[in-house]
Amino acid sequence: MNDSSYNNWYAMSDRALNATIGTFVKYHRLQQNRSQTEVANAANISRSTLSLLERGEIVTVATLIQVLRVLQLLHTMECFQVQKKVSPIALAKLEKDQRKRASGIKRNENNKSDW
């Protein structure tokens, strides 16, 4: 992601962000050649609620998730996934404790075989 696109999201109003999400949903619904009624029924919401979403009006997050699931677009939620990060100091400590080389087999010279 470049800096200009990152800043554009912050410059947008909530209304503009809602409209962008609505346009996204409508575009993908039309690409799949599905009617509002069909998608709304599959998502277990009313057609008017889907229409609100597509027009950029306020709907619940649960509604958005239901619609994304029906349109098979849940992969867009990946950006919300939290990944654990290891600090550089913790990483250095972990690497310090790792073996660097094999020690080989130690032979005890005092134990002589009777053979």
PDB file of N, CA and C in Angstrom:
ATOM      1  N   MET A   1       0.862  -1.172   0.000  1.00  0.00           N
ATOM      2  CA  MET A   1       0.000   0.000   0.000  1.00  0.00           C
ATOM      3  C   MET A   1       0.899   1.223   0.000  1.00  0.00           C
ATOM      4  N   ASN A   2       0.616   2.147  -0.876  1.00  0.00           N
ATOM      5  CA  ASN A   2       1.424   3.362  -0.897  1.00  0.00           C
ATOM      6  C   ASN A   2       0.822   4.412   0.027  1.00  0.00           C
ATOM      7  N   ASP A   3       1.621   5.418   0.334  1.00  0.00           N
ATOM      8  CA  ASP A   3       1.202   6.429   1.306  1.00  0.00           C
ATOM      9  C   ASP A   3      -0.010   7.231   0.855  1.00  0.00           C
ATOM     10  N   SER A   4      -0.146   7.477  -0.452  1.00  0.00           N
ATOM     11  CA  SER A   4      -1.251   8.311  -0.912  1.00  0.00           C
ATOM     12  C   SER A   4      -2.595   7.609  -0.717  1.00  0.00           C
ATOM     13  N   SER A   5      -2.669   6.296  -0.972  1.00  0.00           N
ATOM     14  CA  SER A   5      -3.936   5.599  -0.773  1.00  0.00           C
ATOM     15  C   SER A   5      -4.257   5.497   0.711  1.00  0.00           C
ATOM     16  N   TYR A   6      -3.236   5.331   1.532  1.00  0.00           N
ATOM     17  CA  TYR A   6      -3.428   5.254   2.976  1.00  0.00           C
ATOM     18  C   TYR A   6      -4.006   6.560   3.504  1.00  0.00           C
ATOM     19  N   ASN A   7      -3.488   7.670   3.028  1.00  0.00           N
ATOM     20  CA  ASN A   7      -3.969   8.977   3.471  1.00  0.00           C
ATOM     21  C   ASN A   7      -5.362   9.277   2.944  1.00  0.00           C
ATOM     22  N   ASN A   8      -5.699   8.784   1.777  1.00  0.00           N
ATOM     23  CA  ASN A   8      -7.026   9.035   1.222  1.00  0.00           C
ATOM     24  C   ASN A   8      -8.115   8.445   2.110  1.00  0.00           C
ATOM     25  N   TRP A   9      -7.873   7.289   2.704  1.00  0.00           N
ATOM     26  CA  TRP A   9      -8.889   6.685   3.579  1.00  0.00           C
ATOM     27  C   TRP A   9      -9.160   7.597   4.769  1.00  0.00           C
ATOM     28  N   TYR A  10      -8.133   8.211   5.310  1.00  0.00           N
ATOM     29  CA  TYR A  10      -8.311   9.100   6.446  1.00  0.00           C
ATOM     30  C   TYR A  10      -8.981  10.406   6.048  1.00  0.00           C
ATOM     31  N   ALA A  11      -8.774  10.819   4.820  1.00  0.00           N
ATOM     32  CA  ALA A  11      -9.367  12.075   4.352  1.00  0.00           C
ATOM     33  C   ALA A  11     -10.856  11.921   4.055  1.00  0.00           C
ATOM     34  N   MET A  12     -11.304  10.682   3.844  1.00  0.00           N
ATOM     35  CA  MET A  12     -12.709  10.442   3.498  1.00  0.00           C
ATOM     36  C   MET A  12     -13.598  10.554   4.732  1.00  0.00           C
ATOM     37  N   SER A  13     -14.786  11.066   4.537  1.00  0.00           N
ATOM     38  CA  SER A  13     -15.769  11.125   5.621  1.00  0.00           C
ATOM     39  C   SER A  13     -16.361   9.731   5.830  1.00  0.00           C
ATOM     40  N   ASP A  14     -17.049   9.560   6.949  1.00  0.00           N
ATOM     41  CA  ASP A  14     -17.712   8.281   7.207  1.00  0.00           C
ATOM     42  C   ASP A  14     -18.736   7.989   6.120  1.00  0.00           C
ATOM     43  N   ARG A  15     -19.429   8.990   5.687  1.00  0.00           N
ATOM     44  CA  ARG A  15     -20.439   8.825   4.636  1.00  0.00           C
ATOM     45  C   ARG A  15     -19.778   8.335   3.343  1.00  0.00           C
ATOM     46  N   ALA A  16     -18.626   8.911   3.004  1.00  0.00           N
ATOM     47  CA  ALA A  16     -17.902   8.506   1.794  1.00  0.00           C
ATOM     48  C   ALA A  16     -17.377   7.079   1.924  1.00  0.00           C
ATOM     49  N   LEU A  17     -16.929   6.705   3.107  1.00  0.00           N
ATOM     50  CA  LEU A  17     -16.473   5.335   3.335  1.00  0.00           C
ATOM     51  C   LEU A  17     -17.622   4.344   3.186  1.00  0.00           C
ATOM     52  N   ASN A  18     -18.785   4.689   3.756  1.00  0.00           N
ATOM     53  CA  ASN A  18     -19.973   3.840   3.604  1.00  0.00           C
ATOM     54  C   ASN A  18     -20.343   3.688   2.139  1.00  0.00           C
ATOM     55  N   ALA A  19     -20.260   4.778   1.392  1.00  0.00           N
ATOM     56  CA  ALA A  19     -20.589   4.741  -0.035  1.00  0.00           C
ATOM     57  C   ALA A  19     -19.607   3.844  -0.791  1.00  0.00           C
ATOM     58  N   THR A  20     -18.341   3.894  -0.419  1.00  0.00           N
ATOM     59  CA  THR A  20     -17.330   3.050  -1.053  1.00  0.00           C
ATOM     60  C   THR A  20     -17.625   1.574  -0.802  1.00  0.00           C
ATOM     61  N   ILE A  21     -17.994   1.244   0.433  1.00  0.00           N
ATOM     62  CA  ILE A  21     -18.344  -0.141   0.770  1.00  0.00           C
ATOM     63  C   ILE A  21     -19.590  -0.567  -0.009  1.00  0.00           C
ATOM     64  N   GLY A  22     -20.568   0.307  -0.073  1.00  0.00           N
ATOM     65  CA  GLY A  22     -21.787   0.008  -0.817  1.00  0.00           C
ATOM     66  C   GLY A  22     -21.520  -0.233  -2.289  1.00  0.00           C
ATOM     67  N   THR A  23     -20.678   0.589  -2.878  1.00  0.00           N
ATOM     68  CA  THR A  23     -20.312   0.427  -4.285  1.00  0.00           C
ATOM     69  C   THR A  23     -19.602  -0.901  -4.501  1.00  0.00           C
ATOM     70  N   PHE A  24     -18.740  -1.259  -3.580  1.00  0.00           N
ATOM     71  CA  PHE A  24     -18.016  -2.539  -3.639  1.00  0.00           C
ATOM     72  C   PHE A  24     -18.996  -3.711  -3.645  1.00  0.00           C
ATOM     73  N   VAL A  25     -19.941  -3.697  -2.710  1.00  0.00           N
ATOM     74  CA  VAL A  25     -20.929  -4.774  -2.603  1.00  0.00           C
ATOM     75  C   VAL A  25     -21.778  -4.842  -3.868  1.00  0.00           C
ATOM     76  N   LYS A  26     -22.271  -3.696  -4.323  1.00  0.00           N
ATOM     77  CA  LYS A  26     -23.122  -3.667  -5.511  1.00  0.00           C
ATOM     78  C   LYS A  26     -22.375  -4.154  -6.745  1.00  0.00           C
ATOM     79  N   TYR A  27     -21.136  -3.725  -6.911  1.00  0.00           N
ATOM     80  CA  TYR A  27     -20.320  -4.131  -8.052  1.00  0.00           C
ATOM     81  C   TYR A  27     -20.191  -5.657  -8.094  1.00  0.00           C
ATOM     82  N   HIS A  28     -19.835  -6.247  -6.963  1.00  0.00           N
ATOM     83  CA  HIS A  28     -19.624  -7.696  -6.931  1.00  0.00           C
ATOM     84  C   HIS A  28     -20.938  -8.470  -7.074  1.00  0.00           C
ATOM     85  N   ARG A  29     -22.012  -7.924  -6.553  1.00  0.00           N
ATOM     86  CA  ARG A  29     -23.316  -8.569  -6.729  1.00  0.00           C
ATOM     87  C   ARG A  29     -23.679  -8.595  -8.213  1.00  0.00           C
ATOM     88  N   LEU A  30     -23.490  -7.473  -8.893  1.00  0.00           N
ATOM     89  CA  LEU A  30     -23.807  -7.401 -10.316  1.00  0.00           C
ATOM     90  C   LEU A  30     -22.867  -8.270 -11.151  1.00  0.00           C
ATOM     91  N   GLN A  31     -21.595  -8.346 -10.758  1.00  0.00           N
ATOM     92  CA  GLN A  31     -20.647  -9.212 -11.462  1.00  0.00           C
ATOM     93  C   GLN A  31     -21.069 -10.676 -11.389  1.00  0.00           C
ATOM     94  N   GLN A  32     -21.713 -11.043 -10.288  1.00  0.00           N
ATOM     95  CA  GLN A  32     -22.196 -12.408 -10.105  1.00  0.00           C
ATOM     96  C   GLN A  32     -23.598 -12.584 -10.699  1.00  0.00           C
ATOM     97  N   ASN A  33     -24.128 -11.523 -11.297  1.00  0.00           N
ATOM     98  CA  ASN A  33     -25.449 -11.541 -11.930  1.00  0.00           C
ATOM     99  C   ASN A  33     -26.533 -12.005 -10.956  1.00  0.00           C
ATOM    100  N   ARG A  34     -26.511 -11.421  -9.771  1.00  0.00           N
ATOM    101  CA  ARG A  34     -27.494 -11.781  -8.741  1.00  0.00           C
ATOM    102  C   ARG A  34     -28.342 -10.568  -8.412  1.00  0.00           C
ATOM    103  N   SER A  35     -29.612 -10.801  -8.183  1.00  0.00           N
ATOM    104  CA  SER A  35     -30.523  -9.707  -7.853  1.00  0.00           C
ATOM    105  C   SER A  35     -30.402  -9.366  -6.372  1.00  0.00           C
ATOM    106  N   GLN A  36     -30.869  -8.177  -6.019  1.00  0.00           N
ATOM    107  CA  GLN A  36     -30.885  -7.780  -4.611  1.00  0.00           C
ATOM    108  C   GLN A  36     -31.732  -8.750  -3.790  1.00  0.00           C
ATOM    109  N   THR A  37     -32.863  -9.147  -4.335  1.00  0.00           N
ATOM    110  CA  THR A  37     -33.751 -10.056  -3.614  1.00  0.00           C
ATOM    111  C   THR A  37     -33.069 -11.389  -3.349  1.00  0.00           C
ATOM    112  N   GLU A  38     -32.382 -11.917  -4.353  1.00  0.00           N
ATOM    113  CA  GLU A  38     -31.699 -13.202  -4.210  1.00  0.00           C
ATOM    114  C   GLU A  38     -30.611 -13.130  -3.137  1.00  0.00           C
ATOM    115  N   VAL A  39     -29.789 -12.099  -3.183  1.00  0.00           N
ATOM    116  CA  VAL A  39     -28.704 -11.951  -2.208  1.00  0.00           C
ATOM    117  C   VAL A  39     -29.265 -11.694  -0.818  1.00  0.00           C
ATOM    118  N   ALA A  40     -30.273 -10.859  -0.729  1.00  0.00           N
ATOM    119  CA  ALA A  40     -30.875 -10.546   0.568  1.00  0.00           C
ATOM    120  C   ALA A  40     -31.479 -11.791   1.206  1.00  0.00           C
ATOM    121  N   ASN A  41     -32.203 -12.593   0.425  1.00  0.00           N
ATOM    122  CA  ASN A  41     -32.787 -13.828   0.959  1.00  0.00           C
ATOM    123  C   ASN A  41     -31.705 -14.790   1.429  1.00  0.00           C
ATOM    124  N   ALA A  42     -30.633 -14.933   0.646  1.00  0.00           N
ATOM    125  CA  ALA A  42     -29.544 -15.829   1.020  1.00  0.00           C
ATOM    126  C   ALA A  42     -28.829 -15.338   2.278  1.00  0.00           C
ATOM    127  N   ALA A  43     -28.753 -14.019   2.466  1.00  0.00           N
ATOM    128  CA  ALA A  43     -28.092 -13.430   3.630  1.00  0.00           C
ATOM    129  C   ALA A  43     -29.036 -13.324   4.828  1.00  0.00           C
ATOM    130  N   ASN A  44     -30.295 -13.680   4.617  1.00  0.00           N
ATOM    131  CA  ASN A  44     -31.308 -13.622   5.678  1.00  0.00           C
ATOM    132  C   ASN A  44     -31.529 -12.187   6.178  1.00  0.00           C
ATOM    133  N   ILE A  45     -31.545 -11.257   5.226  1.00  0.00           N
ATOM    134  CA  ILE A  45     -31.859  -9.858   5.520  1.00  0.00           C
ATOM    135  C   ILE A  45     -32.933  -9.415   4.527  1.00  0.00           C
ATOM    136  N   SER A  46     -33.516  -8.262   4.769  1.00  0.00           N
ATOM    137  CA  SER A  46     -34.522  -7.767   3.829  1.00  0.00           C
ATOM    138  C   SER A  46     -33.836  -7.128   2.621  1.00  0.00           C
ATOM    139  N   ARG A  47     -34.563  -7.064   1.521  1.00  0.00           N
ATOM    140  CA  ARG A  47     -34.033  -6.432   0.318  1.00  0.00           C
ATOM    141  C   ARG A  47     -33.747  -4.963   0.562  1.00  0.00           C
ATOM    142  N   SER A  48     -34.599  -4.328   1.366  1.00  0.00           N
ATOM    143  CA  SER A  48     -34.397  -2.899   1.648  1.00  0.00           C
ATOM    144  C   SER A  48     -33.118  -2.665   2.457  1.00  0.00           C
ATOM    145  N   THR A  49     -32.766  -3.618   3.323  1.00  0.00           N
ATOM    146  CA  THR A  49     -31.511  -3.488   4.074  1.00  0.00           C
ATOM    147  C   THR A  49     -30.318  -3.597   3.136  1.00  0.00           C
ATOM    148  N   LEU A  50     -30.380  -4.524   2.188  1.00  0.00           N
ATOM    149  CA  LEU A  50     -29.301  -4.638   1.197  1.00  0.00           C
ATOM    150  C   LEU A  50     -29.227  -3.371   0.355  1.00  0.00           C
ATOM    151  N   SER A  51     -30.378  -2.816   0.002  1.00  0.00           N
ATOM    152  CA  SER A  51     -30.415  -1.574  -0.760  1.00  0.00           C
ATOM    153  C   SER A  51     -29.761  -0.438   0.025  1.00  0.00           C
ATOM    154  N   LEU A  52     -30.036  -0.380   1.327  1.00  0.00           N
ATOM    155  CA  LEU A  52     -29.393   0.632   2.183  1.00  0.00           C
ATOM    156  C   LEU A  52     -27.874   0.473   2.157  1.00  0.00           C
ATOM    157  N   LEU A  53     -27.417  -0.760   2.286  1.00  0.00           N
ATOM    158  CA  LEU A  53     -25.979  -1.035   2.270  1.00  0.00           C
ATOM    159  C   LEU A  53     -25.367  -0.563   0.958  1.00  0.00           C
ATOM    160  N   GLU A  54     -25.988  -0.906  -0.147  1.00  0.00           N
ATOM    161  CA  GLU A  54     -25.448  -0.541  -1.462  1.00  0.00           C
ATOM    162  C   GLU A  54     -25.481   0.959  -1.720  1.00  0.00           C
ATOM    163  N   ARG A  55     -26.386   1.669  -1.073  1.00  0.00           N
ATOM    164  CA  ARG A  55     -26.454   3.129  -1.235  1.00  0.00           C
ATOM    165  C   ARG A  55     -25.534   3.858  -0.264  1.00  0.00           C
ATOM    166  N   GLY A  56     -24.847   3.122   0.593  1.00  0.00           N
ATOM    167  CA  GLY A  56     -23.912   3.743   1.527  1.00  0.00           C
ATOM    168  C   GLY A  56     -24.551   4.225   2.805  1.00  0.00           C
ATOM    169  N   GLU A  57     -25.741   3.734   3.095  1.00  0.00           N
ATOM    170  CA  GLU A  57     -26.400   4.102   4.355  1.00  0.00           C
ATOM    171  C   GLU A  57     -25.843   3.243   5.490  1.00  0.00           C
ATOM    172  N   ILE A  58     -26.187   3.589   6.709  1.00  0.00           N
ATOM    173  CA  ILE A  58     -25.662   2.882   7.881  1.00  0.00           C
ATOM    174  C   ILE A  58     -26.379   1.548   8.060  1.00  0.00           C
ATOM    175  N   VAL A  59     -25.600   0.475   8.128  1.00  0.00           N
ATOM    176  CA  VAL A  59     -26.106  -0.862   8.448  1.00  0.00           C
ATOM    177  C   VAL A  59     -25.149  -1.464   9.481  1.00  0.00           C
ATOM    178  N   THR A  60     -25.546  -2.565  10.064  1.00  0.00           N
ATOM    179  CA  THR A  60     -24.697  -3.179  11.082  1.00  0.00           C
ATOM    180  C   THR A  60     -23.538  -3.939  10.432  1.00  0.00           C
ATOM    181  N   VAL A  61     -22.506  -4.166  11.212  1.00  0.00           N
ATOM    182  CA  VAL A  61     -21.369  -4.955  10.744  1.00  0.00           C
ATOM    183  C   VAL A  61     -21.828  -6.383  10.451  1.00  0.00           C
ATOM    184  N   ALA A  62     -22.736  -6.897  11.269  1.00  0.00           N
ATOM    185  CA  ALA A  62     -23.252  -8.251  11.059  1.00  0.00           C
ATOM    186  C   ALA A  62     -23.919  -8.367   9.693  1.00  0.00           C
ATOM    187  N   THR A  63     -24.648  -7.348   9.291  1.00  0.00           N
ATOM    188  CA  THR A  63     -25.286  -7.352   7.978  1.00  0.00           C
ATOM    189  C   THR A  63     -24.241  -7.386   6.874  1.00  0.00           C
ATOM    190  N   LEU A  64     -23.215  -6.574   7.010  1.00  0.00           N
ATOM    191  CA  LEU A  64     -22.142  -6.547   6.018  1.00  0.00           C
ATOM    192  C   LEU A  64     -21.488  -7.922   5.911  1.00  0.00           C
ATOM    193  N   ILE A  65     -21.218  -8.555   7.045  1.00  0.00           N
ATOM    194  CA  ILE A  65     -20.583  -9.874   7.041  1.00  0.00           C
ATOM    195  C   ILE A  65     -21.481 -10.904   6.366  1.00  0.00           C
ATOM    196  N   GLN A  66     -22.773 -10.858   6.648  1.00  0.00           N
ATOM    197  CA  GLN A  66     -23.704 -11.792   6.013  1.00  0.00           C
ATOM    198  C   GLN A  66     -23.691 -11.628   4.492  1.00  0.00           C
ATOM    199  N   VAL A  67     -23.681 -10.412   4.029  1.00  0.00           N
ATOM    200  CA  VAL A  67     -23.687 -10.153   2.588  1.00  0.00           C
ATOM    201  C   VAL A  67     -22.354 -10.584   1.971  1.00  0.00           C
ATOM    202  N   LEU A  68     -21.243 -10.280   2.632  1.00  0.00           N
ATOM    203  CA  LEU A  68     -19.940 -10.702   2.122  1.00  0.00           C
ATOM    204  C   LEU A  68     -19.856 -12.224   2.034  1.00  0.00           C
ATOM    205  N   ARG A  69     -20.429 -12.905   3.011  1.00  0.00           N
ATOM    206  CA  ARG A  69     -20.431 -14.375   3.003  1.00  0.00           C
ATOM    207  C   ARG A  69     -21.210 -14.897   1.795  1.00  0.00           C
ATOM    208  N   VAL A  70     -22.391 -14.349   1.544  1.00  0.00           N
ATOM    209  CA  VAL A  70     -23.216 -14.794   0.423  1.00  0.00           C
ATOM    210  C   VAL A  70     -22.513 -14.531  -0.905  1.00  0.00           C
ATOM    211  N   LEU A  71     -21.825 -13.401  -1.005  1.00  0.00           N
ATOM    212  CA  LEU A  71     -21.120 -13.053  -2.237  1.00  0.00           C
ATOM    213  C   LEU A  71     -19.732 -13.692  -2.324  1.00  0.00           C
ATOM    214  N   GLN A  72     -19.403 -14.517  -1.341  1.00  0.00           N
ATOM    215  CA  GLN A  72     -18.102 -15.194  -1.252  1.00  0.00           C
ATOM    216  C   GLN A  72     -16.945 -14.192  -1.290  1.00  0.00           C
ATOM    217  N   LEU A  73     -17.092 -13.151  -0.475  1.00  0.00           N
ATOM    218  CA  LEU A  73     -16.076 -12.100  -0.392  1.00  0.00           C
ATOM    219  C   LEU A  73     -15.491 -11.968   1.014  1.00  0.00           C
ATOM    220  N   LEU A  74     -15.621 -13.006   1.829  1.00  0.00           N
ATOM    221  CA  LEU A  74     -15.098 -12.920   3.197  1.00  0.00           C
ATOM    222  C   LEU A  74     -13.581 -12.762   3.239  1.00  0.00           C
ATOM    223  N   HIS A  75     -12.905 -13.092   2.152  1.00  0.00           N
ATOM    224  CA  HIS A  75     -11.451 -12.911   2.117  1.00  0.00           C
ATOM    225  C   HIS A  75     -11.057 -11.445   2.284  1.00  0.00           C
ATOM    226  N   THR A  76     -11.989 -10.534   2.054  1.00  0.00           N
ATOM    227  CA  THR A  76     -11.679  -9.114   2.247  1.00  0.00           C
ATOM    228  C   THR A  76     -11.483  -8.779   3.725  1.00  0.00           C
ATOM    229  N   MET A  77     -11.883  -9.680   4.596  1.00  0.00           N
ATOM    230  CA  MET A  77     -11.741  -9.456   6.033  1.00  0.00           C
ATOM    231  C   MET A  77     -10.318  -9.745   6.525  1.00  0.00           C
ATOM    232  N   GLU A  78      -9.441 -10.236   5.640  1.00  0.00           N
ATOM    233  CA  GLU A  78      -8.074 -10.572   6.036  1.00  0.00           C
ATOM    234  C   GLU A  78      -7.323  -9.379   6.630  1.00  0.00           C
ATOM    235  N   CYS A  79      -7.650  -8.196   6.195  1.00  0.00           N
ATOM    236  CA  CYS A  79      -6.942  -7.011   6.702  1.00  0.00           C
ATOM    237  C   CYS A  79      -7.239  -6.768   8.184  1.00  0.00           C
ATOM    238  N   PHE A  80      -8.275  -7.409   8.720  1.00  0.00           N
ATOM    239  CA  PHE A  80      -8.604  -7.251  10.127  1.00  0.00           C
ATOM    240  C   PHE A  80      -7.940  -8.301  11.011  1.00  0.00           C
ATOM    241  N   GLN A  81      -7.243  -9.233  10.395  1.00  0.00           N
ATOM    242  CA  GLN A  81      -6.603 -10.304  11.149  1.00  0.00           C
ATOM    243  C   GLN A  81      -5.374  -9.766  11.865  1.00  0.00           C
ATOM    244  N   VAL A  82      -5.261 -10.092  13.154  1.00  0.00           N
ATOM    245  CA  VAL A  82      -4.137  -9.643  13.963  1.00  0.00           C
ATOM    246  C   VAL A  82      -3.064 -10.720  13.941  1.00  0.00           C
ATOM    247  N   GLN A  83      -1.860 -10.320  13.604  1.00  0.00           N
ATOM    248  CA  GLN A  83      -0.745 -11.260  13.583  1.00  0.00           C
ATOM    249  C   GLN A  83       0.238 -10.879  14.672  1.00  0.00           C
ATOM    250  N   LYS A  84       0.649 -11.885  15.439  1.00  0.00           N
ATOM    251  CA  LYS A  84       1.605 -11.625  16.506  1.00  0.00           C
ATOM    252  C   LYS A  84       2.961 -11.303  15.900  1.00  0.00           C
ATOM    253  N   LYS A  85       3.593 -10.306  16.475  1.00  0.00           N
ATOM    254  CA  LYS A  85       4.914  -9.908  16.016  1.00  0.00           C
ATOM    255  C   LYS A  85       5.886 -10.061  17.173  1.00  0.00           C
ATOM    256  N   VAL A  86       7.067 -10.528  16.863  1.00  0.00           N
ATOM    257  CA  VAL A  86       8.105 -10.702  17.867  1.00  0.00           C
ATOM    258  C   VAL A  86       9.012  -9.481  17.812  1.00  0.00           C
ATOM    259  N   SER A  87       9.296  -8.927  18.982  1.00  0.00           N
ATOM    260  CA  SER A  87      10.175  -7.758  19.022  1.00  0.00           C
ATOM    261  C   SER A  87      11.592  -8.179  18.641  1.00  0.00           C
ATOM    262  N   PRO A  88      12.395  -7.262  18.137  1.00  0.00           N
ATOM    263  CA  PRO A  88      13.771  -7.600  17.750  1.00  0.00           C
ATOM    264  C   PRO A  88      14.589  -8.163  18.914  1.00  0.00           C
ATOM    265  N   ILE A  89      14.351  -7.663  20.113  1.00  0.00           N
ATOM    266  CA  ILE A  89      15.097  -8.158  21.277  1.00  0.00           C
ATOM    267  C   ILE A  89      14.697  -9.592  21.596  1.00  0.00           C
ATOM    268  N   ALA A  90      13.391  -9.876  21.571  1.00  0.00           N
ATOM    269  CA  ALA A  90      12.927 -11.241  21.837  1.00  0.00           C
ATOM    270  C   ALA A  90      13.427 -12.190  20.753  1.00  0.00           C
ATOM    271  N   LEU A  91      13.456 -11.740  19.507  1.00  0.00           N
ATOM    272  CA  LEU A  91      13.946 -12.562  18.409  1.00  0.00           C
ATOM    273  C   LEU A  91      15.431 -12.868  18.600  1.00  0.00           C
ATOM    274  N   ALA A  92      16.205 -11.886  19.019  1.00  0.00           N
ATOM    275  CA  ALA A  92      17.632 -12.103  19.261  1.00  0.00           C
ATOM    276  C   ALA A  92      17.845 -13.116  20.379  1.00  0.00           C
ATOM    277  N   LYS A  93      17.029 -13.050  21.433  1.00  0.00           N
ATOM    278  CA  LYS A  93      17.142 -14.021  22.527  1.00  0.00           C
ATOM    279  C   LYS A  93      16.809 -15.423  22.054  1.00  0.00           C
ATOM    280  N   LEU A  94      15.776 -15.555  21.216  1.00  0.00           N
ATOM    281  CA  LEU A  94      15.412 -16.866  20.683  1.00  0.00           C
ATOM    282  C   LEU A  94      16.526 -17.430  19.804  1.00  0.00           C
ATOM    283  N   GLU A  95      17.121 -16.586  18.993  1.00  0.00           N
ATOM    284  CA  GLU A  95      18.194 -17.033  18.110  1.00  0.00           C
ATOM    285  C   GLU A  95      19.451 -17.390  18.897  1.00  0.00           C
ATOM    286  N   LYS A  96      19.685 -16.713  20.007  1.00  0.00           N
ATOM    287  CA  LYS A  96      20.848 -16.996  20.838  1.00  0.00           C
ATOM    288  C   LYS A  96      20.759 -18.396  21.436  1.00  0.00           C
ATOM    289  N   ASP A  97      19.554 -18.825  21.779  1.00  0.00           N
ATOM    290  CA  ASP A  97      19.365 -20.123  22.408  1.00  0.00           C
ATOM    291  C   ASP A  97      19.377 -21.279  21.414  1.00  0.00           C
ATOM    292  N   GLN A  98      19.328 -20.997  20.130  1.00  0.00           N
ATOM    293  CA  GLN A  98      19.341 -22.063  19.132  1.00  0.00           C
ATOM    294  C   GLN A  98      20.757 -22.608  18.956  1.00  0.00           C
ATOM    295  N   ARG A  99      20.833 -23.898  18.669  1.00  0.00           N
ATOM    296  CA  ARG A  99      22.131 -24.541  18.435  1.00  0.00           C
ATOM    297  C   ARG A  99      22.762 -23.979  17.176  1.00  0.00           C
ATOM    298  N   LYS A 100      24.043 -23.775  17.243  1.00  0.00           N
ATOM    299  CA  LYS A 100      24.777 -23.273  16.086  1.00  0.00           C
ATOM    300  C   LYS A 100      25.482 -24.416  15.346  1.00  0.00           C
ATOM    301  N   ARG A 101      25.895 -25.457  16.089  1.00  0.00           N
ATOM    302  CA  ARG A 101      26.577 -26.597  15.469  1.00  0.00           C
ATOM    303  C   ARG A 101      26.391 -27.835  16.326  1.00  0.00           C
ATOM    304  N   ALA A 102      26.656 -28.963  15.735  1.00  0.00           N
ATOM    305  CA  ALA A 102      26.547 -30.230  16.458  1.00  0.00           C
ATOM    306  C   ALA A 102      27.780 -30.418  17.322  1.00  0.00           C
ATOM    307  N   SER A 103      27.617 -31.043  18.468  1.00  0.00           N
ATOM    308  CA  SER A 103      28.747 -31.214  19.376  1.00  0.00           C
ATOM    309  C   SER A 103      29.516 -32.505  19.109  1.00  0.00           C
ATOM    310  N   GLY A 104      28.950 -33.417  18.360  1.00  0.00           N
ATOM    311  CA  GLY A 104      29.634 -34.680  18.084  1.00  0.00           C
ATOM    312  C   GLY A 104      29.463 -35.645  19.245  1.00  0.00           C
ATOM    313  N   ILE A 105      29.961 -36.879  19.070  1.00  0.00           N
ATOM    314  CA  ILE A 105      29.832 -37.901  20.100  1.00  0.00           C
ATOM    315  C   ILE A 105      31.048 -37.827  21.011  1.00  0.00           C
ATOM    316  N   LYS A 106      30.797 -37.738  22.286  1.00  0.00           N
ATOM    317  CA  LYS A 106      31.892 -37.723  23.256  1.00  0.00           C
ATOM    318  C   LYS A 106      32.194 -39.158  23.647  1.00  0.00           C
ATOM    319  N   ARG A 107      33.455 -39.540  23.556  1.00  0.00           N
ATOM    320  CA  ARG A 107      33.865 -40.891  23.910  1.00  0.00           C
ATOM    321  C   ARG A 107      34.584 -40.847  25.245  1.00  0.00           C
ATOM    322  N   ASN A 108      34.222 -41.766  26.065  1.00  0.00           N
ATOM    323  CA  ASN A 108      34.855 -41.862  27.371  1.00  0.00           C
ATOM    324  C   ASN A 108      36.015 -42.851  27.257  1.00  0.00           C
ATOM    325  N   GLU A 109      37.249 -42.367  27.385  1.00  0.00           N
ATOM    326  CA  GLU A 109      38.455 -43.189  27.221  1.00  0.00           C
ATOM    327  C   GLU A 109      38.655 -44.119  28.414  1.00  0.00           C
ATOM    328  N   ASN A 110      38.081 -43.823  29.554  1.00  0.00           N
ATOM    329  CA  ASN A 110      38.291 -44.643  30.754  1.00  0.00           C
ATOM    330  C   ASN A 110      37.539 -45.981  30.678  1.00  0.00           C
ATOM    331  N   ASN A 111      36.454 -46.040  29.933  1.00  0.00           N
ATOM    332  CA  ASN A 111      35.684 -47.272  29.825  1.00  0.00           C
ATOM    333  C   ASN A 111      36.234 -48.099  28.659  1.00  0.00           C
ATOM    334  N   LYS A 112      37.198 -48.975  28.961  1.00  0.00           N
ATOM    335  CA  LYS A 112      37.760 -49.808  27.918  1.00  0.00           C
ATOM    336  C   LYS A 112      37.023 -51.108  27.860  1.00  0.00           C
ATOM    337  N   SER A 113      36.790 -51.569  26.691  1.00  0.00           N
ATOM    338  CA  SER A 113      36.052 -52.796  26.488  1.00  0.00           C
ATOM    339  C   SER A 113      36.969 -54.002  26.739  1.00  0.00           C
ATOM    340  N   ASP A 114      36.363 -55.117  27.173  1.00  0.00           N
ATOM    341  CA  ASP A 114      37.129 -56.334  27.380  1.00  0.00           C
ATOM    342  C   ASP A 114      37.369 -57.063  26.069  1.00  0.00           C
ATOM    343  N   TRP A 115      36.863 -56.634  25.031  1.00  0.00           N
ATOM    344  CA  TRP A 115      37.041 -57.282  23.751  1.00  0.00           C
ATOM    345  C   TRP A 115      38.416 -57.176  23.289  1.00  0.00           C
TER     346      TRP A 115
END
